[in-house]
PDB file of N, CA and C in Angstrom:
ATOM      1  N   MET A   1     116.661  92.283  66.073  1.00  0.00           N
ATOM      2  CA  MET A   1     115.433  91.656  66.534  1.00  0.00           C
ATOM      3  C   MET A   1     115.407  91.689  68.060  1.00  0.00           C
ATOM      4  N   ARG A   2     114.253  92.005  68.627  1.00  0.00           N
ATOM      5  CA  ARG A   2     114.144  92.062  70.081  1.00  0.00           C
ATOM      6  C   ARG A   2     114.043  90.657  70.682  1.00  0.00           C
ATOM      7  N   THR A   3     114.366  90.568  71.943  1.00  0.00           N
ATOM      8  CA  THR A   3     114.299  89.298  72.656  1.00  0.00           C
ATOM      9  C   THR A   3     112.887  89.070  73.179  1.00  0.00           C
ATOM     10  N   ILE A   4     112.356  87.880  72.927  1.00  0.00           N
ATOM     11  CA  ILE A   4     111.046  87.466  73.420  1.00  0.00           C
ATOM     12  C   ILE A   4     111.261  86.692  74.712  1.00  0.00           C
ATOM     13  N   LYS A   5     110.467  87.006  75.736  1.00  0.00           N
ATOM     14  CA  LYS A   5     110.584  86.341  77.037  1.00  0.00           C
ATOM     15  C   LYS A   5     109.534  85.238  77.119  1.00  0.00           C
ATOM     16  N   ALA A   6     109.999  84.020  77.365  1.00  0.00           N
ATOM     17  CA  ALA A   6     109.118  82.849  77.350  1.00  0.00           C
ATOM     18  C   ALA A   6     109.170  82.093  78.668  1.00  0.00           C
ATOM     19  N   ALA A   7     108.129  81.319  78.902  1.00  0.00           N
ATOM     20  CA  ALA A   7     108.066  80.388  80.029  1.00  0.00           C
ATOM     21  C   ALA A   7     107.648  79.029  79.495  1.00  0.00           C
ATOM     22  N   VAL A   8     108.055  77.999  80.205  1.00  0.00           N
ATOM     23  CA  VAL A   8     107.688  76.636  79.832  1.00  0.00           C
ATOM     24  C   VAL A   8     107.011  75.984  81.027  1.00  0.00           C
ATOM     25  N   ILE A   9     105.840  75.401  80.778  1.00  0.00           N
ATOM     26  CA  ILE A   9     105.133  74.633  81.804  1.00  0.00           C
ATOM     27  C   ILE A   9     105.418  73.159  81.534  1.00  0.00           C
ATOM     28  N   GLY A  10     106.046  72.505  82.488  1.00  0.00           N
ATOM     29  CA  GLY A  10     106.339  71.075  82.352  1.00  0.00           C
ATOM     30  C   GLY A  10     107.815  70.788  82.503  1.00  0.00           C
ATOM     31  N   THR A  11     108.138  69.898  83.433  1.00  0.00           N
ATOM     32  CA  THR A  11     109.538  69.551  83.686  1.00  0.00           C
ATOM     33  C   THR A  11     109.876  68.124  83.272  1.00  0.00           C
ATOM     34  N   GLY A  12     108.907  67.455  82.654  1.00  0.00           N
ATOM     35  CA  GLY A  12     109.161  66.089  82.191  1.00  0.00           C
ATOM     36  C   GLY A  12     110.049  66.107  80.952  1.00  0.00           C
ATOM     37  N   PHE A  13     109.916  65.141  80.105  1.00  0.00           N
ATOM     38  CA  PHE A  13     110.779  65.037  78.922  1.00  0.00           C
ATOM     39  C   PHE A  13     110.606  66.213  77.965  1.00  0.00           C
ATOM     40  N   ILE A  14     109.378  66.551  77.612  1.00  0.00           N
ATOM     41  CA  ILE A  14     109.148  67.487  76.512  1.00  0.00           C
ATOM     42  C   ILE A  14     109.396  68.944  76.903  1.00  0.00           C
ATOM     43  N   GLY A  15     109.172  69.310  78.173  1.00  0.00           N
ATOM     44  CA  GLY A  15     109.434  70.685  78.599  1.00  0.00           C
ATOM     45  C   GLY A  15     110.868  71.121  78.308  1.00  0.00           C
ATOM     46  N   PRO A  16     111.866  70.392  78.787  1.00  0.00           N
ATOM     47  CA  PRO A  16     113.251  70.747  78.488  1.00  0.00           C
ATOM     48  C   PRO A  16     113.590  70.697  76.989  1.00  0.00           C
ATOM     49  N   VAL A  17     112.907  69.846  76.237  1.00  0.00           N
ATOM     50  CA  VAL A  17     113.105  69.822  74.785  1.00  0.00           C
ATOM     51  C   VAL A  17     112.672  71.163  74.194  1.00  0.00           C
ATOM     52  N   HIS A  18     111.548  71.699  74.655  1.00  0.00           N
ATOM     53  CA  HIS A  18     111.088  73.013  74.198  1.00  0.00           C
ATOM     54  C   HIS A  18     112.092  74.099  74.589  1.00  0.00           C
ATOM     55  N   VAL A  19     112.635  74.014  75.802  1.00  0.00           N
ATOM     56  CA  VAL A  19     113.626  75.004  76.244  1.00  0.00           C
ATOM     57  C   VAL A  19     114.799  75.026  75.280  1.00  0.00           C
ATOM     58  N   GLU A  20     115.332  73.872  74.958  1.00  0.00           N
ATOM     59  CA  GLU A  20     116.491  73.804  74.048  1.00  0.00           C
ATOM     60  C   GLU A  20     116.132  74.310  72.654  1.00  0.00           C
ATOM     61  N   ALA A  21     114.957  73.965  72.169  1.00  0.00           N
ATOM     62  CA  ALA A  21     114.537  74.443  70.844  1.00  0.00           C
ATOM     63  C   ALA A  21     114.406  75.960  70.836  1.00  0.00           C
ATOM     64  N   LEU A  22     113.847  76.521  71.888  1.00  0.00           N
ATOM     65  CA  LEU A  22     113.696  77.981  71.979  1.00  0.00           C
ATOM     66  C   LEU A  22     115.058  78.664  71.980  1.00  0.00           C
ATOM     67  N   ARG A  23     115.999  78.116  72.694  1.00  0.00           N
ATOM     68  CA  ARG A  23     117.330  78.723  72.767  1.00  0.00           C
ATOM     69  C   ARG A  23     118.028  78.716  71.421  1.00  0.00           C
ATOM     70  N   ARG A  24     117.773  77.731  70.622  1.00  0.00           N
ATOM     71  CA  ARG A  24     118.402  77.654  69.299  1.00  0.00           C
ATOM     72  C   ARG A  24     117.892  78.727  68.345  1.00  0.00           C
ATOM     73  N   LEU A  25     116.737  79.320  68.656  1.00  0.00           N
ATOM     74  CA  LEU A  25     116.211  80.390  67.809  1.00  0.00           C
ATOM     75  C   LEU A  25     117.076  81.643  67.872  1.00  0.00           C
ATOM     76  N   GLY A  26     117.681  81.870  69.039  1.00  0.00           N
ATOM     77  CA  GLY A  26     118.588  82.998  69.178  1.00  0.00           C
ATOM     78  C   GLY A  26     117.944  84.308  69.604  1.00  0.00           C
ATOM     79  N   PHE A  27     116.631  84.383  69.627  1.00  0.00           N
ATOM     80  CA  PHE A  27     115.971  85.626  70.026  1.00  0.00           C
ATOM     81  C   PHE A  27     114.909  85.394  71.100  1.00  0.00           C
ATOM     82  N   VAL A  28     114.941  84.215  71.728  1.00  0.00           N
ATOM     83  CA  VAL A  28     113.993  83.891  72.793  1.00  0.00           C
ATOM     84  C   VAL A  28     114.790  83.573  74.057  1.00  0.00           C
ATOM     85  N   GLU A  29     114.389  84.198  75.147  1.00  0.00           N
ATOM     86  CA  GLU A  29     114.987  83.926  76.450  1.00  0.00           C
ATOM     87  C   GLU A  29     113.948  83.226  77.307  1.00  0.00           C
ATOM     88  N   VAL A  30     114.268  82.045  77.796  1.00  0.00           N
ATOM     89  CA  VAL A  30     113.363  81.326  78.687  1.00  0.00           C
ATOM     90  C   VAL A  30     113.619  81.845  80.100  1.00  0.00           C
ATOM     91  N   VAL A  31     112.628  82.549  80.646  1.00  0.00           N
ATOM     92  CA  VAL A  31     112.802  83.222  81.936  1.00  0.00           C
ATOM     93  C   VAL A  31     112.117  82.505  83.090  1.00  0.00           C
ATOM     94  N   ALA A  32     111.267  81.506  82.798  1.00  0.00           N
ATOM     95  CA  ALA A  32     110.555  80.826  83.878  1.00  0.00           C
ATOM     96  C   ALA A  32     110.227  79.389  83.500  1.00  0.00           C
ATOM     97  N   LEU A  33     110.202  78.555  84.522  1.00  0.00           N
ATOM     98  CA  LEU A  33     109.824  77.147  84.384  1.00  0.00           C
ATOM     99  C   LEU A  33     108.761  76.845  85.435  1.00  0.00           C
ATOM    100  N   VAL A  34     107.738  76.096  85.025  1.00  0.00           N
ATOM    101  CA  VAL A  34     106.639  75.739  85.934  1.00  0.00           C
ATOM    102  C   VAL A  34     106.561  74.222  86.054  1.00  0.00           C
ATOM    103  N   GLY A  35     106.469  73.761  87.285  1.00  0.00           N
ATOM    104  CA  GLY A  35     106.286  72.336  87.553  1.00  0.00           C
ATOM    105  C   GLY A  35     105.548  72.161  88.858  1.00  0.00           C
ATOM    106  N   ARG A  36     104.930  71.026  89.040  1.00  0.00           N
ATOM    107  CA  ARG A  36     104.133  70.784  90.256  1.00  0.00           C
ATOM    108  C   ARG A  36     105.003  70.576  91.488  1.00  0.00           C
ATOM    109  N   ASN A  37     106.131  69.914  91.320  1.00  0.00           N
ATOM    110  CA  ASN A  37     107.007  69.590  92.441  1.00  0.00           C
ATOM    111  C   ASN A  37     108.100  70.656  92.549  1.00  0.00           C
ATOM    112  N   LYS A  38     108.101  71.388  93.662  1.00  0.00           N
ATOM    113  CA  LYS A  38     109.021  72.520  93.817  1.00  0.00           C
ATOM    114  C   LYS A  38     110.486  72.101  93.713  1.00  0.00           C
ATOM    115  N   GLU A  39     110.886  71.060  94.416  1.00  0.00           N
ATOM    116  CA  GLU A  39     112.288  70.641  94.406  1.00  0.00           C
ATOM    117  C   GLU A  39     112.726  70.197  93.006  1.00  0.00           C
ATOM    118  N   ARG A  40     111.889  69.410  92.357  1.00  0.00           N
ATOM    119  CA  ARG A  40     112.225  68.950  91.001  1.00  0.00           C
ATOM    120  C   ARG A  40     112.298  70.127  90.030  1.00  0.00           C
ATOM    121  N   THR A  41     111.360  71.067  90.149  1.00  0.00           N
ATOM    122  CA  THR A  41     111.336  72.219  89.252  1.00  0.00           C
ATOM    123  C   THR A  41     112.539  73.114  89.495  1.00  0.00           C
ATOM    124  N   GLU A  42     112.897  73.340  90.752  1.00  0.00           N
ATOM    125  CA  GLU A  42     114.085  74.147  91.066  1.00  0.00           C
ATOM    126  C   GLU A  42     115.350  73.488  90.531  1.00  0.00           C
ATOM    127  N   SER A  43     115.440  72.178  90.677  1.00  0.00           N
ATOM    128  CA  SER A  43     116.594  71.438  90.177  1.00  0.00           C
ATOM    129  C   SER A  43     116.699  71.528  88.654  1.00  0.00           C
ATOM    130  N   LYS A  44     115.575  71.321  87.974  1.00  0.00           N
ATOM    131  CA  LYS A  44     115.556  71.381  86.505  1.00  0.00           C
ATOM    132  C   LYS A  44     115.863  72.791  86.023  1.00  0.00           C
ATOM    133  N   ALA A  45     115.317  73.800  86.702  1.00  0.00           N
ATOM    134  CA  ALA A  45     115.576  75.189  86.324  1.00  0.00           C
ATOM    135  C   ALA A  45     117.056  75.522  86.491  1.00  0.00           C
ATOM    136  N   ALA A  46     117.671  75.060  87.566  1.00  0.00           N
ATOM    137  CA  ALA A  46     119.106  75.295  87.775  1.00  0.00           C
ATOM    138  C   ALA A  46     119.923  74.608  86.686  1.00  0.00           C
ATOM    139  N   GLU A  47     119.545  73.389  86.364  1.00  0.00           N
ATOM    140  CA  GLU A  47     120.232  72.619  85.314  1.00  0.00           C
ATOM    141  C   GLU A  47     120.144  73.329  83.959  1.00  0.00           C
ATOM    142  N   LEU A  48     118.997  73.971  83.698  1.00  0.00           N
ATOM    143  CA  LEU A  48     118.764  74.636  82.416  1.00  0.00           C
ATOM    144  C   LEU A  48     119.048  76.143  82.456  1.00  0.00           C
ATOM    145  N   SER A  49     119.525  76.641  83.599  1.00  0.00           N
ATOM    146  CA  SER A  49     119.835  78.074  83.782  1.00  0.00           C
ATOM    147  C   SER A  49     118.612  78.959  83.530  1.00  0.00           C
ATOM    148  N   ILE A  50     117.508  78.587  84.129  1.00  0.00           N
ATOM    149  CA  ILE A  50     116.268  79.357  84.034  1.00  0.00           C
ATOM    150  C   ILE A  50     116.075  80.051  85.382  1.00  0.00           C
ATOM    151  N   PRO A  51     115.958  81.386  85.386  1.00  0.00           N
ATOM    152  CA  PRO A  51     115.974  82.116  86.650  1.00  0.00           C
ATOM    153  C   PRO A  51     114.732  82.011  87.536  1.00  0.00           C
ATOM    154  N   LYS A  52     113.542  81.868  86.974  1.00  0.00           N
ATOM    155  CA  LYS A  52     112.323  81.878  87.783  1.00  0.00           C
ATOM    156  C   LYS A  52     111.688  80.493  87.814  1.00  0.00           C
ATOM    157  N   VAL A  53     111.137  80.167  88.986  1.00  0.00           N
ATOM    158  CA  VAL A  53     110.468  78.880  89.181  1.00  0.00           C
ATOM    159  C   VAL A  53     109.088  79.136  89.769  1.00  0.00           C
ATOM    160  N   TYR A  54     108.089  78.455  89.205  1.00  0.00           N
ATOM    161  CA  TYR A  54     106.728  78.513  89.718  1.00  0.00           C
ATOM    162  C   TYR A  54     106.209  77.098  89.886  1.00  0.00           C
ATOM    163  N   THR A  55     105.370  76.894  90.905  1.00  0.00           N
ATOM    164  CA  THR A  55     104.689  75.605  91.055  1.00  0.00           C
ATOM    165  C   THR A  55     103.206  75.735  90.737  1.00  0.00           C
ATOM    166  N   ASP A  56     102.779  76.951  90.390  1.00  0.00           N
ATOM    167  CA  ASP A  56     101.384  77.213  90.034  1.00  0.00           C
ATOM    168  C   ASP A  56     101.374  78.069  88.775  1.00  0.00           C
ATOM    169  N   TYR A  57     100.850  77.526  87.690  1.00  0.00           N
ATOM    170  CA  TYR A  57     100.863  78.256  86.428  1.00  0.00           C
ATOM    171  C   TYR A  57     100.088  79.561  86.508  1.00  0.00           C
ATOM    172  N   ARG A  58      99.101  79.625  87.400  1.00  0.00           N
ATOM    173  CA  ARG A  58      98.313  80.864  87.536  1.00  0.00           C
ATOM    174  C   ARG A  58      99.171  82.014  88.053  1.00  0.00           C
ATOM    175  N   LYS A  59     100.124  81.716  88.902  1.00  0.00           N
ATOM    176  CA  LYS A  59     101.053  82.752  89.381  1.00  0.00           C
ATOM    177  C   LYS A  59     101.975  83.192  88.251  1.00  0.00           C
ATOM    178  N   LEU A  60     102.414  82.246  87.442  1.00  0.00           N
ATOM    179  CA  LEU A  60     103.239  82.585  86.279  1.00  0.00           C
ATOM    180  C   LEU A  60     102.508  83.562  85.362  1.00  0.00           C
ATOM    181  N   LEU A  61     101.219  83.330  85.157  1.00  0.00           N
ATOM    182  CA  LEU A  61     100.455  84.157  84.224  1.00  0.00           C
ATOM    183  C   LEU A  61     100.341  85.604  84.683  1.00  0.00           C
ATOM    184  N   LYS A  62     100.636  85.877  85.939  1.00  0.00           N
ATOM    185  CA  LYS A  62     100.639  87.248  86.455  1.00  0.00           C
ATOM    186  C   LYS A  62     101.997  87.928  86.266  1.00  0.00           C
ATOM    187  N   ASP A  63     102.990  87.197  85.796  1.00  0.00           N
ATOM    188  CA  ASP A  63     104.339  87.736  85.597  1.00  0.00           C
ATOM    189  C   ASP A  63     104.353  88.583  84.332  1.00  0.00           C
ATOM    190  N   PRO A  64     104.519  89.897  84.452  1.00  0.00           N
ATOM    191  CA  PRO A  64     104.461  90.770  83.270  1.00  0.00           C
ATOM    192  C   PRO A  64     105.637  90.588  82.308  1.00  0.00           C
ATOM    193  N   GLU A  65     106.707  89.984  82.772  1.00  0.00           N
ATOM    194  CA  GLU A  65     107.868  89.770  81.911  1.00  0.00           C
ATOM    195  C   GLU A  65     107.602  88.701  80.848  1.00  0.00           C
ATOM    196  N   VAL A  66     106.769  87.719  81.186  1.00  0.00           N
ATOM    197  CA  VAL A  66     106.511  86.580  80.299  1.00  0.00           C
ATOM    198  C   VAL A  66     105.522  86.971  79.209  1.00  0.00           C
ATOM    199  N   GLU A  67     105.932  86.790  77.954  1.00  0.00           N
ATOM    200  CA  GLU A  67     105.098  87.121  76.798  1.00  0.00           C
ATOM    201  C   GLU A  67     104.433  85.897  76.181  1.00  0.00           C
ATOM    202  N   VAL A  68     105.129  84.784  76.215  1.00  0.00           N
ATOM    203  CA  VAL A  68     104.638  83.565  75.577  1.00  0.00           C
ATOM    204  C   VAL A  68     104.869  82.391  76.518  1.00  0.00           C
ATOM    205  N   VAL A  69     103.889  81.474  76.541  1.00  0.00           N
ATOM    206  CA  VAL A  69     103.981  80.311  77.411  1.00  0.00           C
ATOM    207  C   VAL A  69     103.878  79.052  76.563  1.00  0.00           C
ATOM    208  N   HIS A  70     104.850  78.173  76.742  1.00  0.00           N
ATOM    209  CA  HIS A  70     104.817  76.860  76.100  1.00  0.00           C
ATOM    210  C   HIS A  70     104.211  75.885  77.093  1.00  0.00           C
ATOM    211  N   ASN A  71     103.050  75.338  76.749  1.00  0.00           N
ATOM    212  CA  ASN A  71     102.346  74.419  77.632  1.00  0.00           C
ATOM    213  C   ASN A  71     102.741  72.986  77.300  1.00  0.00           C
ATOM    214  N   CYS A  72     103.610  72.432  78.129  1.00  0.00           N
ATOM    215  CA  CYS A  72     104.078  71.053  77.958  1.00  0.00           C
ATOM    216  C   CYS A  72     103.609  70.193  79.127  1.00  0.00           C
ATOM    217  N   SER A  73     102.448  70.535  79.661  1.00  0.00           N
ATOM    218  CA  SER A  73     101.860  69.788  80.769  1.00  0.00           C
ATOM    219  C   SER A  73     101.243  68.495  80.238  1.00  0.00           C
ATOM    220  N   THR A  74     100.604  67.758  81.141  1.00  0.00           N
ATOM    221  CA  THR A  74      99.950  66.520  80.706  1.00  0.00           C
ATOM    222  C   THR A  74      98.692  66.836  79.901  1.00  0.00           C
ATOM    223  N   ASN A  75      98.349  65.965  78.983  1.00  0.00           N
ATOM    224  CA  ASN A  75      97.240  66.197  78.053  1.00  0.00           C
ATOM    225  C   ASN A  75      95.925  66.548  78.725  1.00  0.00           C
ATOM    226  N   ASN A  76      95.640  65.936  79.851  1.00  0.00           N
ATOM    227  CA  ASN A  76      94.336  66.130  80.490  1.00  0.00           C
ATOM    228  C   ASN A  76      94.118  67.547  81.016  1.00  0.00           C
ATOM    229  N   VAL A  77      95.157  68.350  81.137  1.00  0.00           N
ATOM    230  CA  VAL A  77      94.992  69.729  81.613  1.00  0.00           C
ATOM    231  C   VAL A  77      95.313  70.772  80.541  1.00  0.00           C
ATOM    232  N   HIS A  78      95.570  70.335  79.323  1.00  0.00           N
ATOM    233  CA  HIS A  78      95.887  71.288  78.249  1.00  0.00           C
ATOM    234  C   HIS A  78      94.794  72.335  78.068  1.00  0.00           C
ATOM    235  N   PHE A  79      93.548  71.916  77.999  1.00  0.00           N
ATOM    236  CA  PHE A  79      92.467  72.865  77.752  1.00  0.00           C
ATOM    237  C   PHE A  79      92.391  73.923  78.848  1.00  0.00           C
ATOM    238  N   THR A  80      92.414  73.493  80.084  1.00  0.00           N
ATOM    239  CA  THR A  80      92.311  74.427  81.210  1.00  0.00           C
ATOM    240  C   THR A  80      93.470  75.419  81.214  1.00  0.00           C
ATOM    241  N   ILE A  81      94.671  74.911  81.054  1.00  0.00           N
ATOM    242  CA  ILE A  81      95.854  75.787  81.089  1.00  0.00           C
ATOM    243  C   ILE A  81      95.915  76.668  79.848  1.00  0.00           C
ATOM    244  N   ASN A  82      95.649  76.113  78.683  1.00  0.00           N
ATOM    245  CA  ASN A  82      95.671  76.927  77.455  1.00  0.00           C
ATOM    246  C   ASN A  82      94.640  78.056  77.527  1.00  0.00           C
ATOM    247  N   THR A  83      93.470  77.758  78.064  1.00  0.00           N
ATOM    248  CA  THR A  83      92.439  78.782  78.232  1.00  0.00           C
ATOM    249  C   THR A  83      92.949  79.904  79.134  1.00  0.00           C
ATOM    250  N   ALA A  84      93.561  79.538  80.252  1.00  0.00           N
ATOM    251  CA  ALA A  84      94.076  80.538  81.191  1.00  0.00           C
ATOM    252  C   ALA A  84      95.179  81.384  80.566  1.00  0.00           C
ATOM    253  N   ILE A  85      96.050  80.754  79.787  1.00  0.00           N
ATOM    254  CA  ILE A  85      97.136  81.490  79.117  1.00  0.00           C
ATOM    255  C   ILE A  85      96.546  82.542  78.185  1.00  0.00           C
ATOM    256  N   LEU A  86      95.603  82.127  77.364  1.00  0.00           N
ATOM    257  CA  LEU A  86      95.004  83.057  76.401  1.00  0.00           C
ATOM    258  C   LEU A  86      94.223  84.165  77.111  1.00  0.00           C
ATOM    259  N   LYS A  87      93.489  83.817  78.152  1.00  0.00           N
ATOM    260  CA  LYS A  87      92.728  84.831  78.887  1.00  0.00           C
ATOM    261  C   LYS A  87      93.650  85.819  79.606  1.00  0.00           C
ATOM    262  N   ALA A  88      94.868  85.392  79.904  1.00  0.00           N
ATOM    263  CA  ALA A  88      95.844  86.277  80.542  1.00  0.00           C
ATOM    264  C   ALA A  88      96.494  87.222  79.524  1.00  0.00           C
ATOM    265  N   GLY A  89      96.155  87.038  78.247  1.00  0.00           N
ATOM    266  CA  GLY A  89      96.696  87.910  77.206  1.00  0.00           C
ATOM    267  C   GLY A  89      98.092  87.531  76.740  1.00  0.00           C
ATOM    268  N   LYS A  90      98.481  86.289  77.013  1.00  0.00           N
ATOM    269  CA  LYS A  90      99.806  85.826  76.602  1.00  0.00           C
ATOM    270  C   LYS A  90      99.672  84.909  75.388  1.00  0.00           C
ATOM    271  N   HIS A  91     100.730  84.849  74.617  1.00  0.00           N
ATOM    272  CA  HIS A  91     100.756  83.923  73.491  1.00  0.00           C
ATOM    273  C   HIS A  91     100.891  82.509  74.041  1.00  0.00           C
ATOM    274  N   CYS A  92     100.252  81.557  73.368  1.00  0.00           N
ATOM    275  CA  CYS A  92     100.206  80.176  73.839  1.00  0.00           C
ATOM    276  C   CYS A  92     100.741  79.239  72.764  1.00  0.00           C
ATOM    277  N   ILE A  93     101.746  78.476  73.138  1.00  0.00           N
ATOM    278  CA  ILE A  93     102.233  77.382  72.293  1.00  0.00           C
ATOM    279  C   ILE A  93     101.905  76.108  73.067  1.00  0.00           C
ATOM    280  N   SER A  94     101.070  75.268  72.491  1.00  0.00           N
ATOM    281  CA  SER A  94     100.631  74.070  73.191  1.00  0.00           C
ATOM    282  C   SER A  94     101.234  72.825  72.577  1.00  0.00           C
ATOM    283  N   GLU A  95     101.825  72.027  73.428  1.00  0.00           N
ATOM    284  CA  GLU A  95     102.264  70.710  73.006  1.00  0.00           C
ATOM    285  C   GLU A  95     101.007  69.942  72.600  1.00  0.00           C
ATOM    286  N   LYS A  96     101.119  69.039  71.654  1.00  0.00           N
ATOM    287  CA  LYS A  96      99.954  68.309  71.190  1.00  0.00           C
ATOM    288  C   LYS A  96      99.498  67.305  72.232  1.00  0.00           C
ATOM    289  N   PRO A  97      98.229  67.048  72.315  1.00  0.00           N
ATOM    290  CA  PRO A  97      97.142  67.676  71.583  1.00  0.00           C
ATOM    291  C   PRO A  97      96.781  69.033  72.195  1.00  0.00           C
ATOM    292  N   LEU A  98      96.190  69.877  71.381  1.00  0.00           N
ATOM    293  CA  LEU A  98      95.740  71.188  71.846  1.00  0.00           C
ATOM    294  C   LEU A  98      94.770  71.024  73.016  1.00  0.00           C
ATOM    295  N   ALA A  99      93.845  70.085  72.887  1.00  0.00           N
ATOM    296  CA  ALA A  99      92.876  69.729  73.932  1.00  0.00           C
ATOM    297  C   ALA A  99      92.482  68.281  73.673  1.00  0.00           C
ATOM    298  N   THR A 100      91.710  67.709  74.564  1.00  0.00           N
ATOM    299  CA  THR A 100      91.370  66.289  74.398  1.00  0.00           C
ATOM    300  C   THR A 100      90.051  66.055  73.677  1.00  0.00           C
ATOM    301  N   THR A 101      89.328  67.141  73.343  1.00  0.00           N
ATOM    302  CA  THR A 101      88.110  66.993  72.552  1.00  0.00           C
ATOM    303  C   THR A 101      88.105  68.046  71.446  1.00  0.00           C
ATOM    304  N   THR A 102      87.381  67.753  70.396  1.00  0.00           N
ATOM    305  CA  THR A 102      87.292  68.742  69.315  1.00  0.00           C
ATOM    306  C   THR A 102      86.536  69.981  69.769  1.00  0.00           C
ATOM    307  N   ALA A 103      85.557  69.822  70.633  1.00  0.00           N
ATOM    308  CA  ALA A 103      84.809  70.982  71.142  1.00  0.00           C
ATOM    309  C   ALA A 103      85.730  71.914  71.921  1.00  0.00           C
ATOM    310  N   HIS A 104      86.579  71.351  72.750  1.00  0.00           N
ATOM    311  CA  HIS A 104      87.537  72.183  73.492  1.00  0.00           C
ATOM    312  C   HIS A 104      88.543  72.833  72.548  1.00  0.00           C
ATOM    313  N   SER A 105      88.983  72.085  71.552  1.00  0.00           N
ATOM    314  CA  SER A 105      89.922  72.665  70.574  1.00  0.00           C
ATOM    315  C   SER A 105      89.285  73.843  69.834  1.00  0.00           C
ATOM    316  N   ARG A 106      88.019  73.671  69.414  1.00  0.00           N
ATOM    317  CA  ARG A 106      87.297  74.771  68.757  1.00  0.00           C
ATOM    318  C   ARG A 106      87.195  75.986  69.663  1.00  0.00           C
ATOM    319  N   ALA A 107      86.899  75.755  70.927  1.00  0.00           N
ATOM    320  CA  ALA A 107      86.779  76.862  71.889  1.00  0.00           C
ATOM    321  C   ALA A 107      88.104  77.603  72.037  1.00  0.00           C
ATOM    322  N   LEU A 108      89.199  76.884  72.035  1.00  0.00           N
ATOM    323  CA  LEU A 108      90.516  77.534  72.139  1.00  0.00           C
ATOM    324  C   LEU A 108      90.840  78.332  70.888  1.00  0.00           C
ATOM    325  N   VAL A 109      90.503  77.802  69.741  1.00  0.00           N
ATOM    326  CA  VAL A 109      90.732  78.532  68.485  1.00  0.00           C
ATOM    327  C   VAL A 109      89.926  79.823  68.471  1.00  0.00           C
ATOM    328  N   ARG A 110      88.672  79.742  68.903  1.00  0.00           N
ATOM    329  CA  ARG A 110      87.838  80.962  68.977  1.00  0.00           C
ATOM    330  C   ARG A 110      88.410  81.968  69.969  1.00  0.00           C
ATOM    331  N   LEU A 111      88.854  81.492  71.100  1.00  0.00           N
ATOM    332  CA  LEU A 111      89.425  82.374  72.120  1.00  0.00           C
ATOM    333  C   LEU A 111      90.703  83.041  71.594  1.00  0.00           C
ATOM    334  N   ALA A 112      91.515  82.302  70.902  1.00  0.00           N
ATOM    335  CA  ALA A 112      92.767  82.857  70.357  1.00  0.00           C
ATOM    336  C   ALA A 112      92.487  83.914  69.289  1.00  0.00           C
ATOM    337  N   ALA A 113      91.426  83.685  68.510  1.00  0.00           N
ATOM    338  CA  ALA A 113      91.102  84.630  67.439  1.00  0.00           C
ATOM    339  C   ALA A 113      90.631  85.948  68.021  1.00  0.00           C
TER     340      ALA A 113
END
């Protein structure tokens, strides 16, 4: 099985939980971590042995190595970030909720399809 290259957005509690879960799969390599605070994100990435650090998810989405993005950001920005991930042609795994309204959730489902 080939290795899938993943990124995780979010350095709070749930982001690192996703990193550990991905590593247990055995065929996913977490290559990037995104967080708003550069020092905190660099520290967390070093702690988790993640080579790339971004403070802007839009820059991450331009990284051709990343195939799938786990969005573990705060709920209020899920729709915006999930939309950008899908429009960038990357697979999107969103921490719940997918979006904060059913209309936004429907729009994301349509975009993914």
